[in-house]
Amino acid sequence: MFEYASGVSANTGSSWSIANARKVVGYEPRDDSEVVYADEIREMMLEPARQNMVQGEARGGKGSL
C-alpha cells in the first residue's frame, strides 16, 4: 500500500490539504509563509500598481486648487 502526503506550509489560504500527512506520518508545518512573508507579498502586489498611480500635485486633494 502506498500513501501520498503533501508537506507544505500551514498557509492561511492554502488549497492543499495536509490532513493525510498529519495523520499518517505526523507531519506538522513550522510556519505560515503568508504571515512570515506578509511584507514582501504586500510589496510585490502593490509595486506594479504604484507605477500607474498619479503622483505629486497632479494627484489633487487638499490644497491642490
PDB file of N, CA and C in Angstrom:
ATOM      1  N   MET A   1       0.840  -1.181   0.000  1.00  0.00           N
ATOM      2  CA  MET A   1       0.000   0.000   0.000  1.00  0.00           C
ATOM      3  C   MET A   1       0.889   1.249   0.000  1.00  0.00           C
ATOM      4  N   PHE A   2       0.492   2.229  -0.762  1.00  0.00           N
ATOM      5  CA  PHE A   2       1.220   3.487  -0.838  1.00  0.00           C
ATOM      6  C   PHE A   2       0.335   4.624  -0.360  1.00  0.00           C
ATOM      7  N   GLU A   3       0.946   5.641   0.148  1.00  0.00           N
ATOM      8  CA  GLU A   3       0.222   6.820   0.646  1.00  0.00           C
ATOM      9  C   GLU A   3       0.884   8.056   0.067  1.00  0.00           C
ATOM     10  N   TYR A   4       0.085   9.009  -0.377  1.00  0.00           N
ATOM     11  CA  TYR A   4       0.610  10.278  -0.873  1.00  0.00           C
ATOM     12  C   TYR A   4       0.323  11.354   0.172  1.00  0.00           C
ATOM     13  N   ALA A   5       1.345  12.103   0.526  1.00  0.00           N
ATOM     14  CA  ALA A   5       1.170  13.156   1.524  1.00  0.00           C
ATOM     15  C   ALA A   5       1.858  14.425   1.047  1.00  0.00           C
ATOM     16  N   SER A   6       1.166  15.546   1.157  1.00  0.00           N
ATOM     17  CA  SER A   6       1.753  16.840   0.815  1.00  0.00           C
ATOM     18  C   SER A   6       2.369  17.441   2.070  1.00  0.00           C
ATOM     19  N   GLY A   7       3.593  17.899   1.955  1.00  0.00           N
ATOM     20  CA  GLY A   7       4.259  18.575   3.065  1.00  0.00           C
ATOM     21  C   GLY A   7       4.470  20.025   2.693  1.00  0.00           C
ATOM     22  N   VAL A   8       3.532  20.873   3.051  1.00  0.00           N
ATOM     23  CA  VAL A   8       3.592  22.292   2.703  1.00  0.00           C
ATOM     24  C   VAL A   8       3.428  23.130   3.968  1.00  0.00           C
ATOM     25  N   SER A   9       3.690  24.417   3.838  1.00  0.00           N
ATOM     26  CA  SER A   9       3.488  25.336   4.962  1.00  0.00           C
ATOM     27  C   SER A   9       2.016  25.362   5.348  1.00  0.00           C
ATOM     28  N   ALA A  10       1.744  25.831   6.548  1.00  0.00           N
ATOM     29  CA  ALA A  10       0.361  25.942   7.028  1.00  0.00           C
ATOM     30  C   ALA A  10      -0.209  27.287   6.593  1.00  0.00           C
ATOM     31  N   ASN A  11      -0.169  27.561   5.310  1.00  0.00           N
ATOM     32  CA  ASN A  11      -0.634  28.844   4.793  1.00  0.00           C
ATOM     33  C   ASN A  11      -2.130  29.026   5.000  1.00  0.00           C
ATOM     34  N   THR A  12      -2.493  30.225   5.406  1.00  0.00           N
ATOM     35  CA  THR A  12      -3.882  30.548   5.691  1.00  0.00           C
ATOM     36  C   THR A  12      -4.803  30.232   4.511  1.00  0.00           C
ATOM     37  N   GLY A  13      -4.426  30.652   3.321  1.00  0.00           N
ATOM     38  CA  GLY A  13      -5.277  30.477   2.151  1.00  0.00           C
ATOM     39  C   GLY A  13      -4.927  29.274   1.303  1.00  0.00           C
ATOM     40  N   SER A  14      -4.282  28.281   1.872  1.00  0.00           N
ATOM     41  CA  SER A  14      -3.831  27.117   1.106  1.00  0.00           C
ATOM     42  C   SER A  14      -5.002  26.294   0.587  1.00  0.00           C
ATOM     43  N   SER A  15      -4.853  25.801  -0.620  1.00  0.00           N
ATOM     44  CA  SER A  15      -5.881  24.909  -1.165  1.00  0.00           C
ATOM     45  C   SER A  15      -5.458  23.446  -1.027  1.00  0.00           C
ATOM     46  N   TRP A  16      -4.268  23.220  -0.481  1.00  0.00           N
ATOM     47  CA  TRP A  16      -3.766  21.864  -0.278  1.00  0.00           C
ATOM     48  C   TRP A  16      -4.156  21.367   1.109  1.00  0.00           C
ATOM     49  N   SER A  17      -4.588  20.144   1.181  1.00  0.00           N
ATOM     50  CA  SER A  17      -4.898  19.532   2.469  1.00  0.00           C
ATOM     51  C   SER A  17      -3.671  18.776   2.972  1.00  0.00           C
ATOM     52  N   ILE A  18      -3.343  18.978   4.237  1.00  0.00           N
ATOM     53  CA  ILE A  18      -2.236  18.230   4.834  1.00  0.00           C
ATOM     54  C   ILE A  18      -2.756  17.249   5.892  1.00  0.00           C
ATOM     55  N   ALA A  19      -4.055  16.982   5.846  1.00  0.00           N
ATOM     56  CA  ALA A  19      -4.669  16.083   6.825  1.00  0.00           C
ATOM     57  C   ALA A  19      -4.032  14.695   6.795  1.00  0.00           C
ATOM     58  N   ASN A  20      -3.792  14.159   5.597  1.00  0.00           N
ATOM     59  CA  ASN A  20      -3.170  12.841   5.471  1.00  0.00           C
ATOM     60  C   ASN A  20      -1.757  12.842   6.037  1.00  0.00           C
ATOM     61  N   ALA A  21      -0.993  13.872   5.725  1.00  0.00           N
ATOM     62  CA  ALA A  21       0.385  13.961   6.209  1.00  0.00           C
ATOM     63  C   ALA A  21       0.416  14.033   7.735  1.00  0.00           C
ATOM     64  N   ARG A  22      -0.520  14.754   8.312  1.00  0.00           N
ATOM     65  CA  ARG A  22      -0.602  14.842   9.777  1.00  0.00           C
ATOM     66  C   ARG A  22      -0.931  13.475  10.380  1.00  0.00           C
ATOM     67  N   LYS A  23      -1.926  12.812   9.780  1.00  0.00           N
ATOM     68  CA  LYS A  23      -2.425  11.539  10.314  1.00  0.00           C
ATOM     69  C   LYS A  23      -1.425  10.399  10.125  1.00  0.00           C
ATOM     70  N   VAL A  24      -0.897  10.250   8.927  1.00  0.00           N
ATOM     71  CA  VAL A  24      -0.082   9.086   8.592  1.00  0.00           C
ATOM     72  C   VAL A  24       1.365   9.207   9.078  1.00  0.00           C
ATOM     73  N   VAL A  25       1.983  10.358   8.846  1.00  0.00           N
ATOM     74  CA  VAL A  25       3.408  10.484   9.205  1.00  0.00           C
ATOM     75  C   VAL A  25       3.665  11.493  10.319  1.00  0.00           C
ATOM     76  N   GLY A  26       2.590  12.091  10.872  1.00  0.00           N
ATOM     77  CA  GLY A  26       2.757  13.037  11.971  1.00  0.00           C
ATOM     78  C   GLY A  26       3.340  14.375  11.550  1.00  0.00           C
ATOM     79  N   TYR A  27       3.157  14.740  10.280  1.00  0.00           N
ATOM     80  CA  TYR A  27       3.711  15.999   9.773  1.00  0.00           C
ATOM     81  C   TYR A  27       3.040  17.207  10.426  1.00  0.00           C
ATOM     82  N   GLU A  28       3.836  18.148  10.874  1.00  0.00           N
ATOM     83  CA  GLU A  28       3.340  19.420  11.401  1.00  0.00           C
ATOM     84  C   GLU A  28       4.145  20.547  10.761  1.00  0.00           C
ATOM     85  N   PRO A  29       3.496  21.422  10.021  1.00  0.00           N
ATOM     86  CA  PRO A  29       4.215  22.536   9.397  1.00  0.00           C
ATOM     87  C   PRO A  29       4.794  23.467  10.457  1.00  0.00           C
ATOM     88  N   ARG A  30       5.895  24.114  10.112  1.00  0.00           N
ATOM     89  CA  ARG A  30       6.571  25.000  11.065  1.00  0.00           C
ATOM     90  C   ARG A  30       6.043  26.421  11.044  1.00  0.00           C
ATOM     91  N   ASP A  31       5.488  26.841   9.909  1.00  0.00           N
ATOM     92  CA  ASP A  31       5.051  28.231   9.828  1.00  0.00           C
ATOM     93  C   ASP A  31       3.979  28.432   8.772  1.00  0.00           C
ATOM     94  N   ASP A  32       3.466  29.639   8.745  1.00  0.00           N
ATOM     95  CA  ASP A  32       2.516  30.093   7.736  1.00  0.00           C
ATOM     96  C   ASP A  32       3.276  31.135   6.930  1.00  0.00           C
ATOM     97  N   SER A  33       3.711  30.781   5.739  1.00  0.00           N
ATOM     98  CA  SER A  33       4.549  31.691   4.964  1.00  0.00           C
ATOM     99  C   SER A  33       3.812  32.976   4.595  1.00  0.00           C
ATOM    100  N   GLU A  34       2.486  32.938   4.586  1.00  0.00           N
ATOM    101  CA  GLU A  34       1.733  34.165   4.304  1.00  0.00           C
ATOM    102  C   GLU A  34       1.914  35.178   5.427  1.00  0.00           C
ATOM    103  N   VAL A  35       2.139  34.706   6.646  1.00  0.00           N
ATOM    104  CA  VAL A  35       2.393  35.589   7.785  1.00  0.00           C
ATOM    105  C   VAL A  35       3.868  35.992   7.807  1.00  0.00           C
ATOM    106  N   VAL A  36       4.750  35.010   7.653  1.00  0.00           N
ATOM    107  CA  VAL A  36       6.191  35.260   7.709  1.00  0.00           C
ATOM    108  C   VAL A  36       6.619  36.255   6.634  1.00  0.00           C
ATOM    109  N   TYR A  37       6.075  36.116   5.425  1.00  0.00           N
ATOM    110  CA  TYR A  37       6.484  36.967   4.302  1.00  0.00           C
ATOM    111  C   TYR A  37       5.432  38.005   3.919  1.00  0.00           C
ATOM    112  N   ALA A  38       4.551  38.382   4.851  1.00  0.00           N
ATOM    113  CA  ALA A  38       3.454  39.305   4.557  1.00  0.00           C
ATOM    114  C   ALA A  38       3.947  40.625   3.961  1.00  0.00           C
ATOM    115  N   ASP A  39       5.007  41.199   4.513  1.00  0.00           N
ATOM    116  CA  ASP A  39       5.510  42.477   3.997  1.00  0.00           C
ATOM    117  C   ASP A  39       6.002  42.343   2.566  1.00  0.00           C
ATOM    118  N   GLU A  40       6.736  41.273   2.280  1.00  0.00           N
ATOM    119  CA  GLU A  40       7.248  41.053   0.930  1.00  0.00           C
ATOM    120  C   GLU A  40       6.111  40.802  -0.064  1.00  0.00           C
ATOM    121  N   ILE A  41       5.114  40.031   0.347  1.00  0.00           N
ATOM    122  CA  ILE A  41       3.967  39.749  -0.519  1.00  0.00           C
ATOM    123  C   ILE A  41       3.228  41.048  -0.828  1.00  0.00           C
ATOM    124  N   ARG A  42       3.008  41.869   0.201  1.00  0.00           N
ATOM    125  CA  ARG A  42       2.313  43.144   0.013  1.00  0.00           C
ATOM    126  C   ARG A  42       3.070  44.029  -0.981  1.00  0.00           C
ATOM    127  N   GLU A  43       4.393  44.124  -0.824  1.00  0.00           N
ATOM    128  CA  GLU A  43       5.221  44.939  -1.719  1.00  0.00           C
ATOM    129  C   GLU A  43       5.117  44.451  -3.151  1.00  0.00           C
ATOM    130  N   MET A  44       5.199  43.129  -3.339  1.00  0.00           N
ATOM    131  CA  MET A  44       5.135  42.560  -4.689  1.00  0.00           C
ATOM    132  C   MET A  44       3.785  42.827  -5.344  1.00  0.00           C
ATOM    133  N   MET A  45       2.726  42.842  -4.551  1.00  0.00           N
ATOM    134  CA  MET A  45       1.396  43.073  -5.101  1.00  0.00           C
ATOM    135  C   MET A  45       1.152  44.549  -5.394  1.00  0.00           C
ATOM    136  N   LEU A  46       1.698  45.434  -4.567  1.00  0.00           N
ATOM    137  CA  LEU A  46       1.440  46.864  -4.721  1.00  0.00           C
ATOM    138  C   LEU A  46       2.363  47.553  -5.712  1.00  0.00           C
ATOM    139  N   GLU A  47       3.580  47.083  -5.846  1.00  0.00           N
ATOM    140  CA  GLU A  47       4.568  47.787  -6.674  1.00  0.00           C
ATOM    141  C   GLU A  47       4.100  48.031  -8.108  1.00  0.00           C
ATOM    142  N   PRO A  48       3.555  47.038  -8.817  1.00  0.00           N
ATOM    143  CA  PRO A  48       3.093  47.314 -10.188  1.00  0.00           C
ATOM    144  C   PRO A  48       2.002  48.390 -10.223  1.00  0.00           C
ATOM    145  N   ALA A  49       1.126  48.412  -9.226  1.00  0.00           N
ATOM    146  CA  ALA A  49       0.046  49.402  -9.189  1.00  0.00           C
ATOM    147  C   ALA A  49       0.600  50.796  -8.926  1.00  0.00           C
ATOM    148  N   ARG A  50       1.636  50.905  -8.105  1.00  0.00           N
ATOM    149  CA  ARG A  50       2.233  52.209  -7.787  1.00  0.00           C
ATOM    150  C   ARG A  50       2.766  52.905  -9.024  1.00  0.00           C
ATOM    151  N   GLN A  51       3.275  52.145  -9.961  1.00  0.00           N
ATOM    152  CA  GLN A  51       3.835  52.729 -11.178  1.00  0.00           C
ATOM    153  C   GLN A  51       2.768  53.461 -11.987  1.00  0.00           C
ATOM    154  N   ASN A  52       1.507  53.068 -11.854  1.00  0.00           N
ATOM    155  CA  ASN A  52       0.416  53.674 -12.615  1.00  0.00           C
ATOM    156  C   ASN A  52      -0.341  54.746 -11.837  1.00  0.00           C
ATOM    157  N   MET A  53       0.018  54.959 -10.566  1.00  0.00           N
ATOM    158  CA  MET A  53      -0.672  55.949  -9.746  1.00  0.00           C
ATOM    159  C   MET A  53      -0.221  57.365 -10.094  1.00  0.00           C
ATOM    160  N   VAL A  54      -1.155  58.290 -10.011  1.00  0.00           N
ATOM    161  CA  VAL A  54      -0.848  59.691 -10.229  1.00  0.00           C
ATOM    162  C   VAL A  54      -0.057  60.184  -9.025  1.00  0.00           C
ATOM    163  N   GLN A  55       1.042  60.903  -9.271  1.00  0.00           N
ATOM    164  CA  GLN A  55       1.920  61.343  -8.201  1.00  0.00           C
ATOM    165  C   GLN A  55       1.950  62.859  -8.076  1.00  0.00           C
ATOM    166  N   GLY A  56       2.405  63.344  -6.932  1.00  0.00           N
ATOM    167  CA  GLY A  56       2.653  64.770  -6.721  1.00  0.00           C
ATOM    168  C   GLY A  56       1.405  65.635  -6.810  1.00  0.00           C
ATOM    169  N   GLU A  57       1.588  66.851  -7.320  1.00  0.00           N
ATOM    170  CA  GLU A  57       0.497  67.834  -7.405  1.00  0.00           C
ATOM    171  C   GLU A  57      -0.630  67.367  -8.304  1.00  0.00           C
ATOM    172  N   ALA A  58      -0.336  66.569  -9.305  1.00  0.00           N
ATOM    173  CA  ALA A  58      -1.371  66.085 -10.212  1.00  0.00           C
ATOM    174  C   ALA A  58      -2.372  65.197  -9.504  1.00  0.00           C
ATOM    175  N   ARG A  59      -2.005  64.716  -8.345  1.00  0.00           N
ATOM    176  CA  ARG A  59      -2.882  63.817  -7.594  1.00  0.00           C
ATOM    177  C   ARG A  59      -4.108  64.541  -7.047  1.00  0.00           C
ATOM    178  N   GLY A  60      -3.978  65.816  -6.697  1.00  0.00           N
ATOM    179  CA  GLY A  60      -5.115  66.568  -6.180  1.00  0.00           C
ATOM    180  C   GLY A  60      -5.263  66.427  -4.696  1.00  0.00           C
ATOM    181  N   GLY A  61      -6.444  66.696  -4.199  1.00  0.00           N
ATOM    182  CA  GLY A  61      -6.696  66.614  -2.759  1.00  0.00           C
ATOM    183  C   GLY A  61      -6.616  67.986  -2.114  1.00  0.00           C
ATOM    184  N   LYS A  62      -6.490  68.044  -0.788  1.00  0.00           N
ATOM    185  CA  LYS A  62      -6.441  69.306  -0.060  1.00  0.00           C
ATOM    186  C   LYS A  62      -5.297  70.185  -0.552  1.00  0.00           C
ATOM    187  N   GLY A  63      -5.607  71.462  -0.727  1.00  0.00           N
ATOM    188  CA  GLY A  63      -4.591  72.441  -1.087  1.00  0.00           C
ATOM    189  C   GLY A  63      -4.124  72.370  -2.532  1.00  0.00           C
ATOM    190  N   SER A  64      -4.773  71.581  -3.364  1.00  0.00           N
ATOM    191  CA  SER A  64      -4.312  71.457  -4.740  1.00  0.00           C
ATOM    192  C   SER A  64      -4.998  72.449  -5.688  1.00  0.00           C
ATOM    193  N   LEU A  65      -5.987  73.186  -5.194  1.00  0.00           N
ATOM    194  CA  LEU A  65      -6.692  74.124  -6.064  1.00  0.00           C
ATOM    195  C   LEU A  65      -5.953  75.410  -6.226  1.00  0.00           C
TER     196      LEU A  65
END
